[in-house]
C-alpha atoms as a PDB file:
ATOM      1  CA  MET A   1     -21.063  30.763  64.450  1.00  0.00           C
ATOM      2  CA  ALA A   2     -18.790  28.683  66.673  1.00  0.00           C
ATOM      3  CA  GLU A   3     -20.421  25.917  68.675  1.00  0.00           C
ATOM      4  CA  LEU A   4     -20.777  26.718  72.364  1.00  0.00           C
ATOM      5  CA  GLN A   5     -18.438  24.874  74.709  1.00  0.00           C
ATOM      6  CA  LEU A   6     -20.589  23.225  77.354  1.00  0.00           C
ATOM      7  CA  PRO A   7     -19.221  23.660  80.883  1.00  0.00           C
ATOM      8  CA  LYS A   8     -18.469  20.805  83.211  1.00  0.00           C
ATOM      9  CA  LEU A   9     -21.195  20.553  85.867  1.00  0.00           C
ATOM     10  CA  SER A  10     -21.238  18.988  89.320  1.00  0.00           C
ATOM     11  CA  TYR A  11     -24.592  17.569  90.397  1.00  0.00           C
ATOM     12  CA  VAL A  12     -24.456  17.861  94.183  1.00  0.00           C
ATOM     13  CA  PHE A  13     -27.154  15.723  95.786  1.00  0.00           C
ATOM     14  CA  LEU A  14     -27.662  16.192  99.541  1.00  0.00           C
ATOM     15  CA  SER A  15     -29.604  13.737 101.681  1.00  0.00           C
ATOM     16  CA  TYR A  16     -30.792  13.146 105.221  1.00  0.00           C
ATOM     17  CA  ASN A  17     -33.412  10.647 106.456  1.00  0.00           C
ATOM     18  CA  ARG A  18     -35.465  10.464 103.272  1.00  0.00           C
ATOM     19  CA  GLU A  19     -35.665   6.727 102.650  1.00  0.00           C
ATOM     20  CA  LYS A  20     -39.205   6.990 101.257  1.00  0.00           C
ATOM     21  CA  TYR A  21     -38.267   9.428  98.490  1.00  0.00           C
ATOM     22  CA  VAL A  22     -34.553   9.262  97.814  1.00  0.00           C
ATOM     23  CA  ARG A  23     -34.681   6.507  95.186  1.00  0.00           C
ATOM     24  CA  ALA A  24     -36.988   8.485  92.890  1.00  0.00           C
ATOM     25  CA  ALA A  25     -34.852  11.596  93.347  1.00  0.00           C
ATOM     26  CA  ILE A  26     -31.686   9.668  92.411  1.00  0.00           C
ATOM     27  CA  GLU A  27     -33.367   8.182  89.352  1.00  0.00           C
ATOM     28  CA  SER A  28     -34.219  11.676  88.131  1.00  0.00           C
ATOM     29  CA  ALA A  29     -30.610  12.705  88.727  1.00  0.00           C
ATOM     30  CA  PHE A  30     -29.184   9.800  86.731  1.00  0.00           C
ATOM     31  CA  ALA A  31     -31.698  10.469  83.933  1.00  0.00           C
ATOM     32  CA  GLN A  32     -29.944  13.711  82.942  1.00  0.00           C
ATOM     33  CA  ASP A  33     -29.396  13.905  79.171  1.00  0.00           C
ATOM     34  CA  TYR A  34     -26.542  16.424  79.359  1.00  0.00           C
ATOM     35  CA  GLU A  35     -24.061  16.119  76.496  1.00  0.00           C
ATOM     36  CA  GLY A  36     -21.291  17.893  78.369  1.00  0.00           C
ATOM     37  CA  GLU A  37     -19.176  16.583  81.223  1.00  0.00           C
ATOM     38  CA  LEU A  38     -21.174  15.889  84.362  1.00  0.00           C
ATOM     39  CA  GLU A  39     -20.229  14.417  87.721  1.00  0.00           C
ATOM     40  CA  TYR A  40     -22.411  13.301  90.613  1.00  0.00           C
ATOM     41  CA  ILE A  41     -21.633  13.978  94.274  1.00  0.00           C
ATOM     42  CA  PHE A  42     -23.960  12.185  96.709  1.00  0.00           C
ATOM     43  CA  SER A  43     -23.437  13.472 100.245  1.00  0.00           C
ATOM     44  CA  ASP A  44     -25.464  12.009 103.099  1.00  0.00           C
ATOM     45  CA  ASP A  45     -25.664  13.869 106.396  1.00  0.00           C
ATOM     46  CA  CYS A  46     -25.458  10.805 108.685  1.00  0.00           C
ATOM     47  CA  SER A  47     -28.985   9.555 108.061  1.00  0.00           C
ATOM     48  CA  THR A  48     -30.370   7.350 110.819  1.00  0.00           C
ATOM     49  CA  ASP A  49     -32.706   5.452 108.475  1.00  0.00           C
ATOM     50  CA  SER A  50     -31.857   3.469 105.309  1.00  0.00           C
ATOM     51  CA  THR A  51     -31.294   6.523 103.082  1.00  0.00           C
ATOM     52  CA  PHE A  52     -27.538   6.027 102.747  1.00  0.00           C
ATOM     53  CA  ASP A  53     -27.943   2.317 101.982  1.00  0.00           C
ATOM     54  CA  ILE A  54     -30.420   3.131  99.225  1.00  0.00           C
ATOM     55  CA  ILE A  55     -27.999   5.666  97.752  1.00  0.00           C
ATOM     56  CA  LYS A  56     -25.219   3.067  97.684  1.00  0.00           C
ATOM     57  CA  GLU A  57     -27.574   0.556  96.114  1.00  0.00           C
ATOM     58  CA  CYS A  58     -28.653   2.988  93.384  1.00  0.00           C
ATOM     59  CA  VAL A  59     -25.079   4.003  92.610  1.00  0.00           C
ATOM     60  CA  ALA A  60     -23.987   0.349  92.448  1.00  0.00           C
ATOM     61  CA  ALA A  61     -26.696  -0.220  89.827  1.00  0.00           C
ATOM     62  CA  TYR A  62     -25.652   2.830  87.781  1.00  0.00           C
ATOM     63  CA  THR A  63     -24.288   1.817  84.369  1.00  0.00           C
ATOM     64  CA  GLY A  64     -23.351   5.228  82.997  1.00  0.00           C
ATOM     65  CA  ASN A  65     -19.861   6.609  82.508  1.00  0.00           C
ATOM     66  CA  ARG A  66     -20.134   9.712  84.680  1.00  0.00           C
ATOM     67  CA  ARG A  67     -17.874  10.222  87.692  1.00  0.00           C
ATOM     68  CA  VAL A  68     -19.842   9.350  90.822  1.00  0.00           C
ATOM     69  CA  VAL A  69     -18.786  10.068  94.405  1.00  0.00           C
ATOM     70  CA  ILE A  70     -20.584   8.824  97.517  1.00  0.00           C
ATOM     71  CA  THR A  71     -19.681  10.395 100.825  1.00  0.00           C
ATOM     72  CA  GLN A  72     -21.091  10.804 104.302  1.00  0.00           C
ATOM     73  CA  THR A  73     -20.437  13.582 106.779  1.00  0.00           C
ATOM     74  CA  PRO A  74     -18.455  12.637 109.916  1.00  0.00           C
ATOM     75  CA  ARG A  75     -21.470  13.709 112.014  1.00  0.00           C
ATOM     76  CA  ASN A  76     -24.791  15.413 111.356  1.00  0.00           C
ATOM     77  CA  LEU A  77     -23.767  18.838 110.019  1.00  0.00           C
ATOM     78  CA  HIS A  78     -27.155  20.012 108.744  1.00  0.00           C
ATOM     79  CA  LEU A  79     -27.697  21.562 105.330  1.00  0.00           C
ATOM     80  CA  ALA A  80     -24.944  24.180 105.210  1.00  0.00           C
ATOM     81  CA  GLY A  81     -22.385  21.841 106.728  1.00  0.00           C
ATOM     82  CA  ASN A  82     -23.325  19.033 104.357  1.00  0.00           C
ATOM     83  CA  THR A  83     -23.016  21.429 101.416  1.00  0.00           C
ATOM     84  CA  ASN A  84     -19.545  22.475 102.542  1.00  0.00           C
ATOM     85  CA  HIS A  85     -18.593  18.819 103.034  1.00  0.00           C
ATOM     86  CA  ALA A  86     -19.711  17.898  99.503  1.00  0.00           C
ATOM     87  CA  LEU A  87     -17.771  20.762  97.930  1.00  0.00           C
ATOM     88  CA  GLN A  88     -14.418  19.104  98.656  1.00  0.00           C
ATOM     89  CA  TYR A  89     -15.264  16.483  96.020  1.00  0.00           C
ATOM     90  CA  VAL A  90     -16.359  18.933  93.312  1.00  0.00           C
ATOM     91  CA  THR A  91     -13.985  19.221  90.345  1.00  0.00           C
ATOM     92  CA  SER A  92     -15.934  21.677  88.180  1.00  0.00           C
ATOM     93  CA  ASP A  93     -16.703  25.391  88.280  1.00  0.00           C
ATOM     94  CA  TRP A  94     -20.470  24.949  88.574  1.00  0.00           C
ATOM     95  CA  ILE A  95     -22.684  23.426  91.253  1.00  0.00           C
ATOM     96  CA  VAL A  96     -26.133  22.081  90.346  1.00  0.00           C
ATOM     97  CA  ARG A  97     -27.790  21.345  93.700  1.00  0.00           C
ATOM     98  CA  ALA A  98     -30.504  18.791  94.318  1.00  0.00           C
ATOM     99  CA  ASP A  99     -32.386  17.563  97.377  1.00  0.00           C
ATOM    100  CA  ASP A 100     -33.308  14.024  98.292  1.00  0.00           C
ATOM    101  CA  ASP A 101     -37.082  14.328  97.916  1.00  0.00           C
ATOM    102  CA  ASP A 102     -37.344  16.407  94.732  1.00  0.00           C
ATOM    103  CA  LEU A 103     -37.491  15.411  91.078  1.00  0.00           C
ATOM    104  CA  ALA A 104     -35.438  16.952  88.253  1.00  0.00           C
ATOM    105  CA  THR A 105     -36.460  17.133  84.627  1.00  0.00           C
ATOM    106  CA  PRO A 106     -34.183  15.045  82.351  1.00  0.00           C
ATOM    107  CA  ASP A 107     -33.034  18.184  80.563  1.00  0.00           C
ATOM    108  CA  ARG A 108     -32.289  20.183  83.703  1.00  0.00           C
ATOM    109  CA  CYS A 109     -28.519  20.114  83.239  1.00  0.00           C
ATOM    110  CA  SER A 110     -28.780  20.535  79.467  1.00  0.00           C
ATOM    111  CA  ILE A 111     -30.809  23.727  79.835  1.00  0.00           C
ATOM    112  CA  ILE A 112     -28.501  25.082  82.514  1.00  0.00           C
ATOM    113  CA  GLY A 113     -25.269  24.110  80.724  1.00  0.00           C
ATOM    114  CA  LYS A 114     -26.287  25.705  77.419  1.00  0.00           C
ATOM    115  CA  ALA A 115     -27.306  28.919  79.169  1.00  0.00           C
ATOM    116  CA  ILE A 116     -23.995  29.114  81.040  1.00  0.00           C
ATOM    117  CA  ALA A 117     -22.048  28.443  77.847  1.00  0.00           C
ATOM    118  CA  ALA A 118     -23.789  31.410  76.233  1.00  0.00           C
ATOM    119  CA  CYS A 119     -22.969  33.716  79.167  1.00  0.00           C
ATOM    120  CA  PRO A 120     -19.425  33.162  80.521  1.00  0.00           C
ATOM    121  CA  ASP A 121     -19.817  36.104  82.950  1.00  0.00           C
ATOM    122  CA  ALA A 122     -22.670  34.421  84.827  1.00  0.00           C
ATOM    123  CA  THR A 123     -22.219  33.314  88.417  1.00  0.00           C
ATOM    124  CA  TYR A 124     -25.721  32.102  89.321  1.00  0.00           C
ATOM    125  CA  VAL A 125     -28.813  30.743  87.629  1.00  0.00           C
ATOM    126  CA  PHE A 126     -32.513  31.140  88.371  1.00  0.00           C
ATOM    127  CA  ASN A 127     -34.931  28.599  86.954  1.00  0.00           C
ATOM    128  CA  ARG A 128     -38.532  27.716  87.688  1.00  0.00           C
ATOM    129  CA  MET A 129     -39.962  25.084  89.958  1.00  0.00           C
ATOM    130  CA  GLU A 130     -43.345  23.550  90.665  1.00  0.00           C
ATOM    131  CA  THR A 131     -44.462  22.034  93.938  1.00  0.00           C
ATOM    132  CA  PHE A 132     -46.249  18.720  94.288  1.00  0.00           C
ATOM    133  CA  THR A 133     -47.532  16.329  96.931  1.00  0.00           C
ATOM    134  CA  ASP A 134     -47.222  12.563  97.179  1.00  0.00           C
ATOM    135  CA  ALA A 135     -50.681  12.203  95.673  1.00  0.00           C
ATOM    136  CA  GLU A 136     -49.535  14.152  92.602  1.00  0.00           C
ATOM    137  CA  GLU A 137     -46.305  12.239  92.026  1.00  0.00           C
ATOM    138  CA  ASN A 138     -47.617  10.164  89.115  1.00  0.00           C
ATOM    139  CA  VAL A 139     -48.655  13.355  87.333  1.00  0.00           C
ATOM    140  CA  VAL A 140     -45.145  14.745  87.795  1.00  0.00           C
ATOM    141  CA  LEU A 141     -43.567  11.523  86.520  1.00  0.00           C
ATOM    142  CA  GLU A 142     -45.697  11.813  83.374  1.00  0.00           C
ATOM    143  CA  LYS A 143     -44.457  15.371  82.899  1.00  0.00           C
ATOM    144  CA  LEU A 144     -40.857  14.227  83.274  1.00  0.00           C
ATOM    145  CA  ALA A 145     -41.419  11.606  80.567  1.00  0.00           C
ATOM    146  CA  THR A 146     -42.966  14.126  78.161  1.00  0.00           C
ATOM    147  CA  PRO A 147     -40.565  16.050  75.869  1.00  0.00           C
ATOM    148  CA  ARG A 148     -40.558  19.818  76.373  1.00  0.00           C
ATOM    149  CA  ALA A 149     -42.824  21.571  73.858  1.00  0.00           C
ATOM    150  CA  SER A 150     -40.474  24.495  73.197  1.00  0.00           C
ATOM    151  CA  ALA A 151     -36.933  25.564  73.926  1.00  0.00           C
ATOM    152  CA  PRO A 152     -36.609  27.587  77.145  1.00  0.00           C
ATOM    153  CA  GLN A 153     -35.596  31.222  76.962  1.00  0.00           C
ATOM    154  CA  ALA A 154     -32.822  32.670  79.095  1.00  0.00           C
ATOM    155  CA  THR A 155     -32.522  36.308  80.126  1.00  0.00           C
ATOM    156  CA  ILE A 156     -29.294  37.822  81.432  1.00  0.00           C
ATOM    157  CA  HIS A 157     -29.420  40.227  84.377  1.00  0.00           C
ATOM    158  CA  ASP A 158     -26.831  42.215  86.300  1.00  0.00           C
ATOM    159  CA  ILE A 159     -27.200  44.114  89.582  1.00  0.00           C
ATOM    160  CA  ARG A 160     -24.824  46.675  88.044  1.00  0.00           C
ATOM    161  CA  GLU A 161     -27.567  47.491  85.584  1.00  0.00           C
ATOM    162  CA  GLY A 162     -30.268  47.870  88.226  1.00  0.00           C
ATOM    163  CA  TYR A 163     -31.444  44.256  88.443  1.00  0.00           C
ATOM    164  CA  ASP A 164     -33.181  43.472  91.739  1.00  0.00           C
ATOM    165  CA  ALA A 165     -31.771  40.008  92.477  1.00  0.00           C
ATOM    166  CA  ILE A 166     -33.735  39.695  95.725  1.00  0.00           C
ATOM    167  CA  GLN A 167     -37.036  40.308  93.975  1.00  0.00           C
ATOM    168  CA  GLY A 168     -35.996  38.044  91.113  1.00  0.00           C
ATOM    169  CA  PHE A 169     -35.319  35.235  93.571  1.00  0.00           C
ATOM    170  CA  SER A 170     -38.676  35.541  95.317  1.00  0.00           C
ATOM    171  CA  ALA A 171     -40.792  36.023  92.185  1.00  0.00           C
ATOM    172  CA  ARG A 172     -42.451  33.347  90.067  1.00  0.00           C
ATOM    173  CA  LEU A 173     -41.342  30.411  92.235  1.00  0.00           C
ATOM    174  CA  CYS A 174     -37.694  30.806  91.295  1.00  0.00           C
ATOM    175  CA  LEU A 175     -35.261  28.123  92.314  1.00  0.00           C
ATOM    176  CA  HIS A 176     -31.668  29.112  93.037  1.00  0.00           C
ATOM    177  CA  GLN A 177     -29.623  25.957  93.366  1.00  0.00           C
ATOM    178  CA  VAL A 178     -27.175  26.599  90.556  1.00  0.00           C
ATOM    179  CA  TRP A 179     -24.099  28.672  91.289  1.00  0.00           C
ATOM    180  CA  SER A 180     -20.502  29.184  90.331  1.00  0.00           C
ATOM    181  CA  VAL A 181     -17.811  27.869  92.629  1.00  0.00           C
ATOM    182  CA  LYS A 182     -16.314  31.381  92.378  1.00  0.00           C
ATOM    183  CA  HIS A 183     -18.281  32.469  95.425  1.00  0.00           C
ATOM    184  CA  TYR A 184     -16.700  29.705  97.541  1.00  0.00           C
ATOM    185  CA  ARG A 185     -13.249  30.657  96.304  1.00  0.00           C
ATOM    186  CA  GLN A 186     -13.856  34.314  97.138  1.00  0.00           C
ATOM    187  CA  PHE A 187     -15.862  34.100 100.371  1.00  0.00           C
ATOM    188  CA  GLY A 188     -15.045  30.635 101.702  1.00  0.00           C
ATOM    189  CA  PRO A 189     -17.479  27.959 102.965  1.00  0.00           C
ATOM    190  CA  LEU A 190     -21.097  28.742 103.750  1.00  0.00           C
ATOM    191  CA  PRO A 191     -21.591  30.041 107.305  1.00  0.00           C
ATOM    192  CA  ALA A 192     -22.079  27.033 109.558  1.00  0.00           C
ATOM    193  CA  HIS A 193     -25.587  28.080 110.618  1.00  0.00           C
ATOM    194  CA  ALA A 194     -26.896  28.941 107.148  1.00  0.00           C
ATOM    195  CA  ASN A 195     -29.061  25.828 107.170  1.00  0.00           C
ATOM    196  CA  TYR A 196     -32.277  27.478 106.040  1.00  0.00           C
ATOM    197  CA  VAL A 197     -30.687  30.149 103.863  1.00  0.00           C
ATOM    198  CA  ASP A 198     -27.914  28.367 101.975  1.00  0.00           C
ATOM    199  CA  ASP A 199     -29.494  29.396  98.667  1.00  0.00           C
ATOM    200  CA  VAL A 200     -29.975  33.009  99.780  1.00  0.00           C
ATOM    201  CA  VAL A 201     -26.399  33.283 101.048  1.00  0.00           C
ATOM    202  CA  SER A 202     -25.092  31.834  97.781  1.00  0.00           C
ATOM    203  CA  MET A 203     -27.234  34.224  95.749  1.00  0.00           C
ATOM    204  CA  TYR A 204     -26.017  37.302  97.644  1.00  0.00           C
ATOM    205  CA  ARG A 205     -22.404  36.271  97.170  1.00  0.00           C
ATOM    206  CA  CYS A 206     -22.823  35.340  93.502  1.00  0.00           C
ATOM    207  CA  ALA A 207     -24.731  38.529  92.663  1.00  0.00           C
ATOM    208  CA  ILE A 208     -21.822  40.773  93.620  1.00  0.00           C
ATOM    209  CA  LEU A 209     -19.433  38.605  91.570  1.00  0.00           C
ATOM    210  CA  GLY A 210     -21.234  38.368  88.234  1.00  0.00           C
ATOM    211  CA  LYS A 211     -24.390  38.085  86.185  1.00  0.00           C
ATOM    212  CA  CYS A 212     -27.606  36.147  86.654  1.00  0.00           C
ATOM    213  CA  ILE A 213     -29.155  33.810  84.106  1.00  0.00           C
ATOM    214  CA  ASP A 214     -32.935  33.643  84.477  1.00  0.00           C
ATOM    215  CA  ILE A 215     -34.414  30.644  82.642  1.00  0.00           C
ATOM    216  CA  ASN A 216     -38.181  30.590  82.095  1.00  0.00           C
ATOM    217  CA  ALA A 217     -38.505  26.816  82.397  1.00  0.00           C
ATOM    218  CA  VAL A 218     -39.475  24.428  85.180  1.00  0.00           C
ATOM    219  CA  THR A 219     -36.501  22.166  85.818  1.00  0.00           C
ATOM    220  CA  MET A 220     -37.334  20.952  89.334  1.00  0.00           C
ATOM    221  CA  TYR A 221     -40.434  19.610  91.045  1.00  0.00           C
ATOM    222  CA  ILE A 222     -40.286  20.300  94.771  1.00  0.00           C
ATOM    223  CA  ARG A 223     -42.098  17.890  97.084  1.00  0.00           C
ATOM    224  CA  ASN A 224     -44.338  19.434  99.734  1.00  0.00           C
ATOM    225  CA  GLY A 225     -45.452  17.792 102.954  1.00  0.00           C
ATOM    226  CA  SER A 226     -42.395  15.602 103.440  1.00  0.00           C
ATOM    227  CA  GLY A 227     -41.095  17.497 106.445  1.00  0.00           C
ATOM    228  CA  ASN A 228     -38.880  19.745 104.365  1.00  0.00           C
ATOM    229  CA  MET A 229     -37.386  22.776 106.050  1.00  0.00           C
ATOM    230  CA  SER A 230     -39.164  25.370 103.932  1.00  0.00           C
ATOM    231  CA  ARG A 231     -42.447  24.311 105.539  1.00  0.00           C
ATOM    232  CA  GLY A 232     -41.048  23.956 109.032  1.00  0.00           C
ATOM    233  CA  GLY A 233     -41.959  20.303 109.185  1.00  0.00           C
ATOM    234  CA  ASP A 234     -45.569  21.195 108.359  1.00  0.00           C
ATOM    235  CA  ASP A 235     -47.552  18.011 107.768  1.00  0.00           C
ATOM    236  CA  GLY A 236     -50.217  19.799 105.748  1.00  0.00           C
ATOM    237  CA  THR A 237     -52.930  19.554 108.419  1.00  0.00           C
ATOM    238  CA  ASN A 238     -55.003  22.460 109.678  1.00  0.00           C
ATOM    239  CA  GLY A 239     -55.115  21.600 113.356  1.00  0.00           C
ATOM    240  CA  PHE A 240     -54.041  23.757 116.288  1.00  0.00           C
ATOM    241  CA  ALA A 241     -50.791  21.813 116.693  1.00  0.00           C
ATOM    242  CA  ALA A 242     -49.887  22.407 113.025  1.00  0.00           C
ATOM    243  CA  VAL A 243     -50.415  26.167 113.329  1.00  0.00           C
ATOM    244  CA  MET A 244     -48.377  26.323 116.526  1.00  0.00           C
ATOM    245  CA  ARG A 245     -45.614  24.249 114.979  1.00  0.00           C
ATOM    246  CA  LEU A 246     -45.428  26.528 111.955  1.00  0.00           C
ATOM    247  CA  GLU A 247     -45.340  29.709 114.033  1.00  0.00           C
ATOM    248  CA  LYS A 248     -42.643  28.260 116.296  1.00  0.00           C
ATOM    249  CA  PHE A 249     -40.686  27.390 113.189  1.00  0.00           C
ATOM    250  CA  ASN A 250     -41.069  30.959 111.888  1.00  0.00           C
ATOM    251  CA  ASP A 251     -39.655  32.217 115.178  1.00  0.00           C
ATOM    252  CA  LYS A 252     -36.779  29.748 115.035  1.00  0.00           C
ATOM    253  CA  TYR A 253     -36.127  30.549 111.377  1.00  0.00           C
ATOM    254  CA  HIS A 254     -35.695  34.290 111.891  1.00  0.00           C
ATOM    255  CA  ASN A 255     -33.444  33.780 114.911  1.00  0.00           C
ATOM    256  CA  VAL A 256     -31.253  30.974 113.569  1.00  0.00           C
ATOM    257  CA  THR A 257     -30.771  32.607 110.169  1.00  0.00           C
ATOM    258  CA  LEU A 258     -30.005  36.106 111.410  1.00  0.00           C
ATOM    259  CA  PRO A 259     -26.279  35.516 112.208  1.00  0.00           C
ATOM    260  CA  PRO A 260     -25.366  33.937 108.814  1.00  0.00           C
ATOM    261  CA  LEU A 261     -27.256  36.669 106.948  1.00  0.00           C
ATOM    262  CA  GLU A 262     -25.476  39.380 108.929  1.00  0.00           C
ATOM    263  CA  GLU A 263     -22.131  37.688 108.276  1.00  0.00           C
ATOM    264  CA  THR A 264     -22.823  37.303 104.560  1.00  0.00           C
ATOM    265  CA  ILE A 265     -24.050  40.838 103.974  1.00  0.00           C
ATOM    266  CA  LYS A 266     -21.034  42.202 105.834  1.00  0.00           C
ATOM    267  CA  ALA A 267     -18.695  40.111 103.648  1.00  0.00           C
ATOM    268  CA  VAL A 268     -20.438  41.161 100.430  1.00  0.00           C
ATOM    269  CA  ALA A 269     -20.303  44.848 101.392  1.00  0.00           C
ATOM    270  CA  LEU A 270     -16.604  44.525 102.268  1.00  0.00           C
ATOM    271  CA  TYR A 271     -15.833  42.826  98.942  1.00  0.00           C
ATOM    272  CA  ARG A 272     -17.612  45.651  97.126  1.00  0.00           C
ATOM    273  CA  LYS A 273     -15.454  48.281  98.827  1.00  0.00           C
ATOM    274  CA  GLN A 274     -12.192  46.388  98.358  1.00  0.00           C
ATOM    275  CA  TYR A 275     -12.492  45.090  94.813  1.00  0.00           C
ATOM    276  CA  LEU A 276     -14.969  47.193  92.843  1.00  0.00           C
ATOM    277  CA  THR A 277     -14.173  50.499  91.181  1.00  0.00           C
ATOM    278  CA  GLU A 278     -15.962  53.658  92.266  1.00  0.00           C
ATOM    279  CA  GLU A 279     -18.223  53.355  89.250  1.00  0.00           C
ATOM    280  CA  GLN A 280     -19.039  49.726  90.057  1.00  0.00           C
ATOM    281  CA  GLN A 281     -19.681  50.636  93.691  1.00  0.00           C
ATOM    282  CA  SER A 282     -22.142  53.270  92.540  1.00  0.00           C
ATOM    283  CA  GLN A 283     -23.811  50.723  90.249  1.00  0.00           C
ATOM    284  CA  THR A 284     -24.211  48.220  93.082  1.00  0.00           C
ATOM    285  CA  GLN A 285     -25.345  50.666  95.782  1.00  0.00           C
ATOM    286  CA  SER A 286     -29.010  49.812  95.261  1.00  0.00           C
ATOM    287  CA  PHE A 287     -28.269  46.109  95.789  1.00  0.00           C
ATOM    288  CA  ILE A 288     -26.380  46.785  99.028  1.00  0.00           C
ATOM    289  CA  ASP A 289     -29.171  49.065 100.259  1.00  0.00           C
ATOM    290  CA  LYS A 290     -31.752  46.345  99.624  1.00  0.00           C
ATOM    291  CA  LEU A 291     -29.636  43.808 101.509  1.00  0.00           C
ATOM    292  CA  HIS A 292     -29.515  46.084 104.547  1.00  0.00           C
ATOM    293  CA  GLN A 293     -33.260  46.774 104.306  1.00  0.00           C
ATOM    294  CA  TYR A 294     -33.948  43.050 104.247  1.00  0.00           C
ATOM    295  CA  LEU A 295     -31.595  42.509 107.177  1.00  0.00           C
ATOM    296  CA  GLN A 296     -33.387  45.162 109.233  1.00  0.00           C
ATOM    297  CA  LYS A 297     -36.724  43.457 108.528  1.00  0.00           C
ATOM    298  CA  HIS A 298     -35.190  40.142 109.568  1.00  0.00           C
ATOM    299  CA  ARG A 299     -33.955  41.642 112.851  1.00  0.00           C
ATOM    300  CA  LEU A 300     -37.438  42.893 113.657  1.00  0.00           C
ATOM    301  CA  LEU A 301     -39.026  39.529 112.895  1.00  0.00           C
ATOM    302  CA  ALA A 302     -36.424  37.768 115.048  1.00  0.00           C
ATOM    303  CA  THR A 303     -38.003  39.483 118.090  1.00  0.00           C
ATOM    304  CA  TYR A 304     -41.613  39.090 116.925  1.00  0.00           C
ATOM    305  CA  TRP A 305     -42.753  36.148 119.052  1.00  0.00           C
ATOM    306  CA  ARG A 306     -40.228  36.880 121.795  1.00  0.00           C
ATOM    307  CA  GLY A 307     -41.883  40.035 123.037  1.00  0.00           C
ATOM    308  CA  SER A 308     -45.254  41.308 124.133  1.00  0.00           C
ATOM    309  CA  THR A 309     -48.383  42.003 122.117  1.00  0.00           C
ATOM    310  CA  LEU A 310     -47.384  45.669 122.099  1.00  0.00           C
ATOM    311  CA  ASN A 311     -44.012  44.693 120.650  1.00  0.00           C
ATOM    312  CA  ARG A 312     -45.740  42.776 117.855  1.00  0.00           C
ATOM    313  CA  ILE A 313     -48.012  45.739 117.132  1.00  0.00           C
ATOM    314  CA  ARG A 314     -44.955  47.998 116.922  1.00  0.00           C
ATOM    315  CA  ILE A 315     -43.170  45.603 114.541  1.00  0.00           C
ATOM    316  CA  ALA A 316     -46.276  45.173 112.372  1.00  0.00           C
ATOM    317  CA  ARG A 317     -46.549  48.940 112.018  1.00  0.00           C
ATOM    318  CA  LYS A 318     -42.882  49.322 111.149  1.00  0.00           C
ATOM    319  CA  LEU A 319     -43.176  46.639 108.479  1.00  0.00           C
ATOM    320  CA  GLY A 320     -46.391  48.082 107.106  1.00  0.00           C
ATOM    321  CA  TYR A 321     -48.475  44.994 107.853  1.00  0.00           C
ATOM    322  CA  LYS A 322     -52.229  45.582 107.516  1.00  0.00           C
ATOM    323  CA  GLY A 323     -55.435  43.586 107.558  1.00  0.00           C
ATOM    324  CA  LEU A 324     -57.250  41.296 109.957  1.00  0.00           C
ATOM    325  CA  PHE A 325     -54.697  38.465 109.727  1.00  0.00           C
ATOM    326  CA  SER A 326     -51.826  40.787 110.687  1.00  0.00           C
ATOM    327  CA  ALA A 327     -53.860  42.229 113.552  1.00  0.00           C
ATOM    328  CA  LEU A 328     -54.734  38.792 114.919  1.00  0.00           C
ATOM    329  CA  ARG A 329     -51.120  37.682 114.630  1.00  0.00           C
ATOM    330  CA  CYS A 330     -50.214  40.357 117.177  1.00  0.00           C
ATOM    331  CA  LEU A 331     -52.073  38.344 119.835  1.00  0.00           C
ATOM    332  CA  PRO A 332     -50.246  35.770 121.981  1.00  0.00           C
ATOM    333  CA  MET A 333     -49.261  32.767 119.878  1.00  0.00           C
ATOM    334  CA  PRO A 334     -51.692  30.205 121.421  1.00  0.00           C
ATOM    335  CA  LEU A 335     -54.635  32.589 120.995  1.00  0.00           C
ATOM    336  CA  PHE A 336     -53.673  33.410 117.416  1.00  0.00           C
ATOM    337  CA  ALA A 337     -53.235  29.695 116.641  1.00  0.00           C
ATOM    338  CA  ALA A 338     -56.690  28.906 118.046  1.00  0.00           C
ATOM    339  CA  LEU A 339     -58.317  31.606 115.911  1.00  0.00           C
ATOM    340  CA  ALA A 340     -56.332  30.598 112.824  1.00  0.00           C
ATOM    341  CA  THR A 341     -57.347  26.963 113.339  1.00  0.00           C
ATOM    342  CA  GLY A 342     -61.005  27.926 113.516  1.00  0.00           C
ATOM    343  CA  TYR A 343     -60.676  30.035 110.363  1.00  0.00           C
ATOM    344  CA  ARG A 344     -58.993  27.198 108.457  1.00  0.00           C
ATOM    345  CA  ARG A 345     -61.709  24.750 109.444  1.00  0.00           C
ATOM    346  CA  VAL A 346     -64.539  27.088 108.463  1.00  0.00           C
ATOM    347  CA  LYS A 347     -62.803  27.828 105.184  1.00  0.00           C
ATOM    348  CA  SER A 348     -62.368  24.120 104.431  1.00  0.00           C
ATOM    349  CA  ILE A 349     -66.097  23.555 104.976  1.00  0.00           C
ATOM    350  CA  PHE A 350     -67.064  26.231 102.445  1.00  0.00           C
ATOM    351  CA  LEU A 351     -64.523  24.954  99.919  1.00  0.00           C
ATOM    352  CA  ARG A 352     -65.921  21.406  99.915  1.00  0.00           C
END
């Protein structure tokens, strides 16, 4: 059997105001044991702290032979804009994304590269992640230093064969930060406002273009409580202000992300009609239907906190929400936050 040809990979590392964590994240990036060709693109989004200086310091100390690029956006472009900015320096067909506060396993690129080599038709990769807090960082570092007990298994999926890519992305703490540059070549840059959904947009676009590789191995440890966008800047506390902040973020999230999702789904549906055969269109109909169902849910949630209690009751019914929590969340936001705060505090007492 012929030896697999490992693909060239581009490790795209995005940063913004993460001086406390960026050094450890860079060290995990440079620790990659990949035997194929690998380049590093460090793109800072005009940090106002010492993040960019630390990146330059770490790169200056790097003694490896990989191609390394350091760049900074002309102004603060946020996540999608920074991603698009970094792409101009990529010289491979595959992007392996990393954030400035997370830690990669040393074999992350090796696992991904071997899986891609075995499936040339793939356009995106799912792998597993685990979350951790600052207090758990030493435990994670020990895990990173411990060799993997067994070789990861990769499963190939295709939406043309009924695979539910949306469910696959949301299940089992999947991480989608590995994608083929094909989707940029076909659809262009990420929508400018796709700051919270860059991975979702990429997944939608990649899914219509090719197959998915699902790897049953943790390759990234995602830091919680560092102000990352997925938690809306949540500081991990249970106070009234924290609940209000999170609910305001949920409202902002559904409103800010609606336009890029609408734009992406429209582009994916148009590509399907223009480039796929009738048989392929039939095979991908379920995927398109699910995208539109998700978009309709997103539209409803975009108006959730911007209407009356009756409006929230109507939306909850349409979405099939049940239970006491869903009922209480139909109340005005301050009242819901006060009740949720009380519940969290009582719960914390009983869990001591």
